[in-house]
């Protein structure tokens, strides 16, 4: 049976990917940094539906914690064959000239370095040169990597642009090891965080939706559908690709 770890998956897009993957027969690890109760609820939901899931804590920017997580997965589920690098933080929400460097550093530590660290330890289990049988990695980027996030989160946008480039390089590096690496690039999506933000900033959706050709935000299930396509054998000839699931916001 295939084994999947989704980082930052106690809620939102990551949690929905875990639900869909479990429904398709994957053993699933829900990773979280601090939201243990929410992660446990996702596990319970999956198990109630007959799926196999565990929840493990690890800050993806801390390699020691990531190593421990993967070792636990080896013991409890088996070697990872799929990874979704979904964990991310938004940053301070300010202009660059008002930026707190420590906050921006944390954005890059989690969003970029964390993806590198998790990919490293997944590859050590997937790659042919390490005795693996291949696998699939999906990196979660953002439409912000294209529109730049001016006035609020340029640091976040830049970190996601790094993920786009990381995907291309890693895909070429690991292709002969049986590992496909692709990128999912969501746009405005009604996760719990987005719903809360929209309530606190009533003009936000009025500003952003005219930029989205489909005229509405995405739902988490729609984004997770894209992730599942890239993980699955249905995309067996796809690697190094960036899939925009953003209602046309930044699509070519």
Protein backbone atom coordinates (compact mmCIF):
# COMPACT_ATOMS: atom_id res chain seq x y z
CA UNK A 1 0.00 0.00 0.00
CA UNK A 2 1.23 3.52 -0.81
CA UNK A 3 2.31 5.77 2.05
CA UNK A 4 1.80 9.53 1.96
CA UNK A 5 2.97 12.32 4.24
CA UNK A 6 1.35 15.73 3.89
CA UNK A 7 3.08 18.49 5.81
CA UNK A 8 1.01 21.11 7.56
CA UNK A 9 -2.12 19.05 7.12
CA UNK A 10 -4.13 19.53 10.29
CA UNK A 11 -6.59 21.72 8.37
CA UNK A 12 -7.26 23.41 5.04
CA UNK A 13 -5.87 22.09 1.77
CA UNK A 14 -3.51 19.66 3.47
CA UNK A 15 -6.25 18.04 5.52
CA UNK A 16 -8.42 17.61 2.43
CA UNK A 17 -5.54 16.00 0.53
CA UNK A 18 -5.20 13.54 3.40
CA UNK A 19 -8.91 12.73 3.30
CA UNK A 20 -8.93 12.18 -0.44
CA UNK A 21 -5.72 10.15 -0.39
CA UNK A 22 -7.01 7.89 2.36
CA UNK A 23 -10.23 7.36 0.39
CA UNK A 24 -8.07 6.26 -2.56
CA UNK A 25 -6.21 3.71 -0.44
CA UNK A 26 -3.11 5.56 0.72
CA UNK A 27 -1.81 5.19 4.26
CA UNK A 28 -1.58 8.79 5.42
CA UNK A 29 0.53 10.75 7.88
CA UNK A 30 -0.99 14.05 8.97
CA UNK A 31 1.91 16.30 9.95
CA UNK A 32 1.42 19.32 12.19
CA UNK A 33 3.65 21.82 13.97
CA UNK A 34 1.39 22.76 16.89
CA UNK A 35 -2.28 21.98 16.07
CA UNK A 36 -2.43 18.54 17.68
CA UNK A 37 -6.16 18.55 18.37
CA UNK A 38 -7.01 19.48 14.77
CA UNK A 39 -4.66 16.82 13.41
CA UNK A 40 -6.21 14.19 15.68
CA UNK A 41 -9.65 15.14 14.37
CA UNK A 42 -8.52 14.54 10.78
CA UNK A 43 -7.10 11.16 11.80
CA UNK A 44 -10.35 10.22 13.53
CA UNK A 45 -12.39 11.23 10.51
CA UNK A 46 -10.24 9.13 8.17
CA UNK A 47 -10.34 6.11 10.47
CA UNK A 48 -14.12 6.35 10.82
CA UNK A 49 -14.29 5.98 7.04
CA UNK A 50 -12.07 2.89 7.10
CA UNK A 51 -8.81 4.58 6.18
CA UNK A 52 -5.37 4.32 7.77
CA UNK A 53 -3.89 7.48 9.24
CA UNK A 54 -1.59 8.76 11.95
CA UNK A 55 -0.72 12.26 13.14
CA UNK A 56 2.89 13.24 13.88
CA UNK A 57 4.32 16.50 15.12
CA UNK A 58 7.33 18.05 13.40
CA UNK A 59 8.39 21.57 12.55
CA UNK A 60 9.49 21.05 8.96
CA UNK A 61 12.25 23.65 9.34
CA UNK A 62 13.85 21.53 12.09
CA UNK A 63 15.68 18.62 10.47
CA UNK A 64 15.97 16.62 13.69
CA UNK A 65 12.20 16.69 14.10
CA UNK A 66 11.71 15.73 10.43
CA UNK A 67 14.10 12.79 10.79
CA UNK A 68 12.16 11.56 13.81
CA UNK A 69 8.88 11.93 11.91
CA UNK A 70 10.06 9.88 8.94
CA UNK A 71 11.45 7.18 11.23
CA UNK A 72 8.08 6.96 12.98
CA UNK A 73 6.34 6.70 9.61
CA UNK A 74 8.71 3.87 8.61
CA UNK A 75 7.71 1.95 11.74
CA UNK A 76 3.99 2.68 11.76
CA UNK A 77 3.05 2.89 8.07
CA UNK A 78 6.07 1.84 6.01
CA UNK A 79 8.47 3.86 3.84
CA UNK A 80 7.02 7.00 2.31
CA UNK A 81 6.16 6.81 -1.39
CA UNK A 82 4.39 10.16 -1.66
CA UNK A 83 5.09 13.60 -0.19
CA UNK A 84 3.06 16.80 -0.35
CA UNK A 85 5.09 19.78 0.82
CA UNK A 86 2.14 21.83 2.01
CA UNK A 87 3.36 23.41 5.26
CA UNK A 88 3.68 27.17 5.03
CA UNK A 89 3.43 30.46 6.90
CA UNK A 90 2.21 33.77 5.53
CA UNK A 91 4.58 36.32 7.05
CA UNK A 92 3.92 39.69 8.61
CA UNK A 93 1.49 41.15 6.08
CA UNK A 94 3.45 44.37 5.56
CA UNK A 95 5.24 46.35 2.88
CA UNK A 96 8.90 45.47 2.44
CA UNK A 97 10.06 48.77 3.97
CA UNK A 98 8.07 47.91 7.11
CA UNK A 99 9.17 44.27 7.21
CA UNK A 100 10.37 42.51 10.34
CA UNK A 101 13.39 40.53 9.16
CA UNK A 102 12.90 37.83 11.79
CA UNK A 103 9.37 37.20 10.55
CA UNK A 104 10.53 37.06 6.93
CA UNK A 105 13.31 34.66 7.92
CA UNK A 106 10.75 32.34 9.48
CA UNK A 107 8.76 32.43 6.21
CA UNK A 108 11.75 31.20 4.24
CA UNK A 109 12.75 28.67 6.92
CA UNK A 110 9.35 26.96 6.79
CA UNK A 111 8.23 27.55 3.21
CA UNK A 112 11.54 26.89 1.45
CA UNK A 113 14.04 25.16 3.72
CA UNK A 114 11.27 22.99 5.16
CA UNK A 115 10.36 21.74 1.69
CA UNK A 116 14.00 20.93 0.97
CA UNK A 117 14.41 19.03 4.24
CA UNK A 118 11.24 16.97 3.80
CA UNK A 119 12.09 16.20 0.17
CA UNK A 120 15.56 15.07 1.23
CA UNK A 121 14.23 12.49 3.66
CA UNK A 122 11.43 11.34 1.35
CA UNK A 123 13.93 10.83 -1.47
CA UNK A 124 16.11 8.69 0.81
CA UNK A 125 13.18 6.29 0.91
CA UNK A 126 11.92 6.62 -2.67
CA UNK A 127 15.03 6.83 -4.86
CA UNK A 128 16.37 3.77 -6.64
CA UNK A 129 19.91 4.64 -5.55
CA UNK A 130 18.73 4.31 -1.94
CA UNK A 131 16.88 1.04 -2.54
CA UNK A 132 13.46 2.58 -3.15
CA UNK A 133 10.92 1.98 -5.88
CA UNK A 134 10.21 5.58 -6.85
CA UNK A 135 7.45 7.89 -5.79
CA UNK A 136 5.81 11.26 -6.24
CA UNK A 137 6.44 14.66 -4.65
CA UNK A 138 4.02 17.57 -4.90
CA UNK A 139 5.20 20.99 -3.78
CA UNK A 140 2.48 23.49 -2.92
CA UNK A 141 3.28 26.95 -4.25
CA UNK A 142 0.89 29.88 -4.67
CA UNK A 143 -0.45 32.24 -7.30
CA UNK A 144 1.46 34.83 -5.27
CA UNK A 145 4.66 33.56 -6.91
CA UNK A 146 3.30 35.09 -10.11
CA UNK A 147 1.54 38.23 -8.89
CA UNK A 148 4.17 39.07 -6.27
CA UNK A 149 1.99 39.89 -3.26
CA UNK A 150 2.62 43.65 -3.33
CA UNK A 151 1.92 45.75 -0.22
CA UNK A 152 1.25 42.77 2.06
CA UNK A 153 3.31 39.62 1.54
CA UNK A 154 6.16 39.99 -0.94
CA UNK A 155 8.27 37.78 1.35
CA UNK A 156 5.68 34.99 1.14
CA UNK A 157 5.38 35.40 -2.63
CA UNK A 158 9.15 35.23 -3.06
CA UNK A 159 9.29 32.07 -0.96
CA UNK A 160 6.70 30.46 -3.22
CA UNK A 161 8.61 31.52 -6.33
CA UNK A 162 11.54 29.62 -4.83
CA UNK A 163 9.28 26.56 -4.59
CA UNK A 164 8.46 26.84 -8.30
CA UNK A 165 12.17 26.77 -9.17
CA UNK A 166 12.87 24.04 -6.60
CA UNK A 167 10.26 21.87 -8.30
CA UNK A 168 11.86 22.18 -11.73
CA UNK A 169 15.37 21.47 -10.50
CA UNK A 170 14.38 18.57 -8.26
CA UNK A 171 12.27 16.98 -11.00
CA UNK A 172 15.26 16.89 -13.35
CA UNK A 173 17.57 15.67 -10.60
CA UNK A 174 15.35 12.77 -9.52
CA UNK A 175 13.77 11.66 -12.80
CA UNK A 176 16.15 8.73 -13.25
CA UNK A 177 15.45 7.65 -9.68
CA UNK A 178 11.80 6.95 -10.43
CA UNK A 179 10.59 10.06 -8.60
CA UNK A 180 8.24 12.56 -10.20
CA UNK A 181 8.21 16.08 -8.76
CA UNK A 182 5.47 18.55 -9.59
CA UNK A 183 4.05 21.78 -8.24
CA UNK A 184 0.50 22.76 -7.33
CA UNK A 185 -0.15 26.50 -7.47
CA UNK A 186 -3.46 27.46 -5.79
CA UNK A 187 -5.05 30.89 -5.94
CA UNK A 188 -7.48 32.40 -3.47
CA UNK A 189 -8.96 29.43 -1.63
CA UNK A 190 -11.51 29.37 1.15
CA UNK A 191 -9.47 27.62 3.80
CA UNK A 192 -10.22 28.30 7.45
CA UNK A 193 -7.52 30.99 7.45
CA UNK A 194 -8.97 32.67 4.36
CA UNK A 195 -12.49 32.63 5.77
CA UNK A 196 -11.27 34.28 8.97
CA UNK A 197 -9.25 36.83 6.99
CA UNK A 198 -12.26 37.68 4.81
CA UNK A 199 -14.37 38.29 7.93
CA UNK A 200 -11.74 40.60 9.38
CA UNK A 201 -11.11 42.41 6.08
CA UNK A 202 -14.50 42.76 4.34
CA UNK A 203 -13.04 44.45 1.27
CA UNK A 204 -10.51 41.72 0.52
CA UNK A 205 -12.72 39.47 -1.62
CA UNK A 206 -14.17 42.51 -3.39
CA UNK A 207 -10.62 43.46 -4.36
CA UNK A 208 -9.34 40.04 -5.40
CA UNK A 209 -12.29 38.38 -7.14
CA UNK A 210 -12.41 40.77 -10.13
CA UNK A 211 -8.90 39.50 -10.91
CA UNK A 212 -10.10 35.89 -11.07
CA UNK A 213 -11.68 35.01 -14.44
CA UNK A 214 -13.93 32.36 -12.89
CA UNK A 215 -15.19 35.04 -10.52
CA UNK A 216 -15.10 33.06 -7.29
CA UNK A 217 -12.63 31.64 -4.78
CA UNK A 218 -11.64 27.99 -4.91
CA UNK A 219 -12.78 25.36 -2.45
CA UNK A 220 -10.26 23.17 -0.66
CA UNK A 221 -11.61 20.04 -2.37
CA UNK A 222 -10.91 21.59 -5.79
CA UNK A 223 -7.30 22.29 -4.85
CA UNK A 224 -6.88 18.82 -3.34
CA UNK A 225 -8.18 17.30 -6.58
CA UNK A 226 -5.19 18.83 -8.34
CA UNK A 227 -2.79 17.46 -5.74
CA UNK A 228 -4.25 13.97 -6.07
CA UNK A 229 -3.87 14.07 -9.85
CA UNK A 230 -0.20 14.97 -9.53
CA UNK A 231 0.40 12.29 -6.89
CA UNK A 232 -1.34 9.55 -8.79
CA UNK A 233 -0.44 7.34 -11.72
CA UNK A 234 -2.88 9.37 -13.79
CA UNK A 235 -0.01 11.84 -14.19
CA UNK A 236 2.64 9.19 -14.83
CA UNK A 237 4.22 11.18 -17.69
CA UNK A 238 4.17 14.50 -15.81
CA UNK A 239 7.21 15.80 -13.94
CA UNK A 240 8.61 19.28 -13.42
CA UNK A 241 5.17 20.75 -14.13
CA UNK A 242 3.39 23.59 -12.38
CA UNK A 243 -0.38 23.16 -12.24
CA UNK A 244 -2.28 26.40 -11.68
CA UNK A 245 -5.52 25.76 -9.78
CA UNK A 246 -6.49 29.39 -9.36
CA UNK A 247 -9.58 30.07 -11.44
CA UNK A 248 -7.42 31.62 -14.17
CA UNK A 249 -5.98 34.31 -11.89
CA UNK A 250 -2.37 33.90 -12.99
CA UNK A 251 -2.66 31.27 -15.67
CA UNK A 252 -0.89 32.03 -18.97
